[in-house]
């Protein structure tokens, strides 16, 4: 049964892989999640893994070095921003947190939250990198 599910997942992935670069992360995430879920939890695991993988696959890629360097060089804001949650990659910042766009790369924005510089997907407010 697992072999059939893995084969079907591979076929689905192959059929969807050419749907466009914008959807590449979603497709890869869904297929990878489905395969992993099938191995761990059988058919139900495949369904859950596919959904979770698709969501994870839509995340913005880690920022390139020039974005990190830009964020590191910016002065800290005068007002401190504090949120009541630990800040890590994957954390969604509250909409009230003001994000500063990265001028040369609008795919990213940044903020200083809980005394940490974070690079964020401005569309979703999800932290994609914590600058050390």
C-alpha atoms as a PDB file:
ATOM      1  CA  UNK A   1       0.000   0.000   0.000  1.00  0.00           C
ATOM      2  CA  UNK A   2       2.791   2.403   0.874  1.00  0.00           C
ATOM      3  CA  UNK A   3       4.510   1.662  -2.423  1.00  0.00           C
ATOM      4  CA  UNK A   4       1.369   2.564  -4.363  1.00  0.00           C
ATOM      5  CA  UNK A   5       0.966   5.777  -2.389  1.00  0.00           C
ATOM      6  CA  UNK A   6       4.584   6.737  -2.988  1.00  0.00           C
ATOM      7  CA  UNK A   7       4.225   6.029  -6.702  1.00  0.00           C
ATOM      8  CA  UNK A   8       1.044   8.097  -6.916  1.00  0.00           C
ATOM      9  CA  UNK A   9       2.715  10.939  -5.022  1.00  0.00           C
ATOM     10  CA  UNK A  10       5.638  10.846  -7.442  1.00  0.00           C
ATOM     11  CA  UNK A  11       3.283  10.975 -10.432  1.00  0.00           C
ATOM     12  CA  UNK A  12       1.334  13.881  -8.969  1.00  0.00           C
ATOM     13  CA  UNK A  13       4.551  15.727  -8.238  1.00  0.00           C
ATOM     14  CA  UNK A  14       5.794  15.134 -11.779  1.00  0.00           C
ATOM     15  CA  UNK A  15       2.535  16.363 -13.276  1.00  0.00           C
ATOM     16  CA  UNK A  16       2.462  19.500 -11.171  1.00  0.00           C
ATOM     17  CA  UNK A  17       6.155  20.364 -11.342  1.00  0.00           C
ATOM     18  CA  UNK A  18       5.758  22.302 -14.568  1.00  0.00           C
ATOM     19  CA  UNK A  19       2.973  24.587 -13.358  1.00  0.00           C
ATOM     20  CA  UNK A  20       5.276  27.566 -12.952  1.00  0.00           C
ATOM     21  CA  UNK A  21       8.105  28.933 -10.903  1.00  0.00           C
ATOM     22  CA  UNK A  22       5.796  30.897  -8.617  1.00  0.00           C
ATOM     23  CA  UNK A  23       4.187  27.700  -7.409  1.00  0.00           C
ATOM     24  CA  UNK A  24       7.391  25.664  -7.213  1.00  0.00           C
ATOM     25  CA  UNK A  25       7.728  25.919  -3.434  1.00  0.00           C
ATOM     26  CA  UNK A  26       4.117  24.900  -2.861  1.00  0.00           C
ATOM     27  CA  UNK A  27       4.361  21.898  -5.170  1.00  0.00           C
ATOM     28  CA  UNK A  28       7.668  20.781  -3.749  1.00  0.00           C
ATOM     29  CA  UNK A  29       6.397  21.238  -0.220  1.00  0.00           C
ATOM     30  CA  UNK A  30       3.164  19.360  -0.915  1.00  0.00           C
ATOM     31  CA  UNK A  31       4.885  16.450  -2.609  1.00  0.00           C
ATOM     32  CA  UNK A  32       7.616  16.211   0.000  1.00  0.00           C
ATOM     33  CA  UNK A  33       5.094  16.472   2.810  1.00  0.00           C
ATOM     34  CA  UNK A  34       2.870  13.818   1.251  1.00  0.00           C
ATOM     35  CA  UNK A  35       5.728  11.382   0.823  1.00  0.00           C
ATOM     36  CA  UNK A  36       7.019  11.975   4.345  1.00  0.00           C
ATOM     37  CA  UNK A  37       3.507  11.729   5.764  1.00  0.00           C
ATOM     38  CA  UNK A  38       2.895   8.468   3.902  1.00  0.00           C
ATOM     39  CA  UNK A  39       6.049   6.938   5.300  1.00  0.00           C
ATOM     40  CA  UNK A  40       5.223   7.987   8.843  1.00  0.00           C
ATOM     41  CA  UNK A  41       1.451   7.716   8.959  1.00  0.00           C
ATOM     42  CA  UNK A  42       0.152   5.861   5.915  1.00  0.00           C
ATOM     43  CA  UNK A  43      -2.653   7.318   3.755  1.00  0.00           C
ATOM     44  CA  UNK A  44      -3.890   9.703   6.434  1.00  0.00           C
ATOM     45  CA  UNK A  45      -0.316  10.844   7.033  1.00  0.00           C
ATOM     46  CA  UNK A  46       0.071  11.473   3.297  1.00  0.00           C
ATOM     47  CA  UNK A  47      -2.980  13.727   3.217  1.00  0.00           C
ATOM     48  CA  UNK A  48      -1.922  15.688   6.296  1.00  0.00           C
ATOM     49  CA  UNK A  49       1.705  15.837   5.142  1.00  0.00           C
ATOM     50  CA  UNK A  50       0.674  17.160   1.739  1.00  0.00           C
ATOM     51  CA  UNK A  51      -1.329  20.023   3.257  1.00  0.00           C
ATOM     52  CA  UNK A  52       1.367  20.923   5.789  1.00  0.00           C
ATOM     53  CA  UNK A  53       4.072  20.685   3.124  1.00  0.00           C
ATOM     54  CA  UNK A  54       2.141  22.937   0.755  1.00  0.00           C
ATOM     55  CA  UNK A  55       1.803  25.589   3.446  1.00  0.00           C
ATOM     56  CA  UNK A  56       5.488  25.372   4.348  1.00  0.00           C
ATOM     57  CA  UNK A  57       6.464  25.439   0.685  1.00  0.00           C
ATOM     58  CA  UNK A  58       4.857  28.842   0.165  1.00  0.00           C
ATOM     59  CA  UNK A  59       7.208  30.533   2.637  1.00  0.00           C
ATOM     60  CA  UNK A  60       9.688  33.079   1.377  1.00  0.00           C
ATOM     61  CA  UNK A  61      13.203  31.719   0.906  1.00  0.00           C
ATOM     62  CA  UNK A  62      15.927  32.787   3.314  1.00  0.00           C
ATOM     63  CA  UNK A  63      17.222  36.230   2.383  1.00  0.00           C
ATOM     64  CA  UNK A  64      20.327  36.649   0.254  1.00  0.00           C
ATOM     65  CA  UNK A  65      23.510  37.932   1.946  1.00  0.00           C
ATOM     66  CA  UNK A  66      23.069  41.483   0.618  1.00  0.00           C
ATOM     67  CA  UNK A  67      19.686  41.773   2.371  1.00  0.00           C
ATOM     68  CA  UNK A  68      21.168  40.522   5.649  1.00  0.00           C
ATOM     69  CA  UNK A  69      24.058  42.994   5.342  1.00  0.00           C
ATOM     70  CA  UNK A  70      21.642  45.851   4.640  1.00  0.00           C
ATOM     71  CA  UNK A  71      19.548  45.015   7.719  1.00  0.00           C
ATOM     72  CA  UNK A  72      22.638  44.701   9.923  1.00  0.00           C
ATOM     73  CA  UNK A  73      23.822  48.197   8.936  1.00  0.00           C
ATOM     74  CA  UNK A  74      20.559  50.020   9.606  1.00  0.00           C
ATOM     75  CA  UNK A  75      20.290  52.085  12.799  1.00  0.00           C
ATOM     76  CA  UNK A  76      18.067  50.736  15.543  1.00  0.00           C
ATOM     77  CA  UNK A  77      14.701  52.496  15.833  1.00  0.00           C
ATOM     78  CA  UNK A  78      14.143  54.912  18.702  1.00  0.00           C
ATOM     79  CA  UNK A  79      11.044  53.110  19.981  1.00  0.00           C
ATOM     80  CA  UNK A  80      11.376  49.523  21.176  1.00  0.00           C
ATOM     81  CA  UNK A  81       8.907  46.964  19.835  1.00  0.00           C
ATOM     82  CA  UNK A  82       8.044  44.132  22.219  1.00  0.00           C
ATOM     83  CA  UNK A  83       5.768  41.189  21.486  1.00  0.00           C
ATOM     84  CA  UNK A  84       4.663  38.519  23.948  1.00  0.00           C
ATOM     85  CA  UNK A  85       6.085  35.577  22.043  1.00  0.00           C
ATOM     86  CA  UNK A  86       9.527  34.214  21.285  1.00  0.00           C
ATOM     87  CA  UNK A  87      10.841  35.387  17.928  1.00  0.00           C
ATOM     88  CA  UNK A  88      12.158  32.693  15.599  1.00  0.00           C
ATOM     89  CA  UNK A  89      12.032  31.774  11.927  1.00  0.00           C
ATOM     90  CA  UNK A  90       8.431  30.923  11.109  1.00  0.00           C
ATOM     91  CA  UNK A  91       6.934  33.210  13.768  1.00  0.00           C
ATOM     92  CA  UNK A  92       4.169  35.465  12.483  1.00  0.00           C
ATOM     93  CA  UNK A  93       4.550  39.000  13.773  1.00  0.00           C
ATOM     94  CA  UNK A  94       1.411  40.898  14.773  1.00  0.00           C
ATOM     95  CA  UNK A  95       0.086  43.197  12.041  1.00  0.00           C
ATOM     96  CA  UNK A  96       0.719  46.155  14.369  1.00  0.00           C
ATOM     97  CA  UNK A  97       4.492  45.686  14.024  1.00  0.00           C
ATOM     98  CA  UNK A  98       5.687  48.247  11.487  1.00  0.00           C
ATOM     99  CA  UNK A  99       7.914  46.679   8.860  1.00  0.00           C
ATOM    100  CA  UNK A 100      10.591  48.618   6.999  1.00  0.00           C
ATOM    101  CA  UNK A 101      10.950  47.546   3.359  1.00  0.00           C
ATOM    102  CA  UNK A 102      14.357  46.584   1.991  1.00  0.00           C
ATOM    103  CA  UNK A 103      14.765  49.098  -0.882  1.00  0.00           C
ATOM    104  CA  UNK A 104      16.685  46.900  -3.322  1.00  0.00           C
ATOM    105  CA  UNK A 105      14.665  43.759  -2.627  1.00  0.00           C
ATOM    106  CA  UNK A 106      10.937  44.294  -1.956  1.00  0.00           C
ATOM    107  CA  UNK A 107      10.482  40.579  -1.256  1.00  0.00           C
ATOM    108  CA  UNK A 108      11.817  41.338   2.231  1.00  0.00           C
ATOM    109  CA  UNK A 109      11.230  43.816   5.020  1.00  0.00           C
ATOM    110  CA  UNK A 110      12.721  44.064   8.487  1.00  0.00           C
ATOM    111  CA  UNK A 111      11.927  45.119  12.019  1.00  0.00           C
ATOM    112  CA  UNK A 112      13.606  45.152  15.405  1.00  0.00           C
ATOM    113  CA  UNK A 113      11.415  43.126  17.754  1.00  0.00           C
ATOM    114  CA  UNK A 114      12.280  42.097  21.313  1.00  0.00           C
ATOM    115  CA  UNK A 115      15.718  43.640  20.682  1.00  0.00           C
ATOM    116  CA  UNK A 116      16.311  41.284  17.726  1.00  0.00           C
ATOM    117  CA  UNK A 117      16.632  42.273  14.090  1.00  0.00           C
ATOM    118  CA  UNK A 118      14.346  40.100  11.995  1.00  0.00           C
ATOM    119  CA  UNK A 119      13.850  39.832   8.261  1.00  0.00           C
ATOM    120  CA  UNK A 120      10.226  39.309   7.373  1.00  0.00           C
ATOM    121  CA  UNK A 121       8.001  38.428   4.424  1.00  0.00           C
ATOM    122  CA  UNK A 122       6.045  41.696   4.148  1.00  0.00           C
ATOM    123  CA  UNK A 123       3.014  39.932   2.664  1.00  0.00           C
ATOM    124  CA  UNK A 124       2.495  37.537   5.561  1.00  0.00           C
ATOM    125  CA  UNK A 125       4.540  39.102   8.418  1.00  0.00           C
ATOM    126  CA  UNK A 126       6.306  35.739   8.845  1.00  0.00           C
ATOM    127  CA  UNK A 127       9.909  35.891  10.085  1.00  0.00           C
ATOM    128  CA  UNK A 128      12.235  34.360   7.476  1.00  0.00           C
ATOM    129  CA  UNK A 129      15.513  35.142   9.263  1.00  0.00           C
ATOM    130  CA  UNK A 130      16.753  36.330  12.641  1.00  0.00           C
ATOM    131  CA  UNK A 131      19.880  38.426  12.228  1.00  0.00           C
ATOM    132  CA  UNK A 132      22.491  37.556  14.849  1.00  0.00           C
END
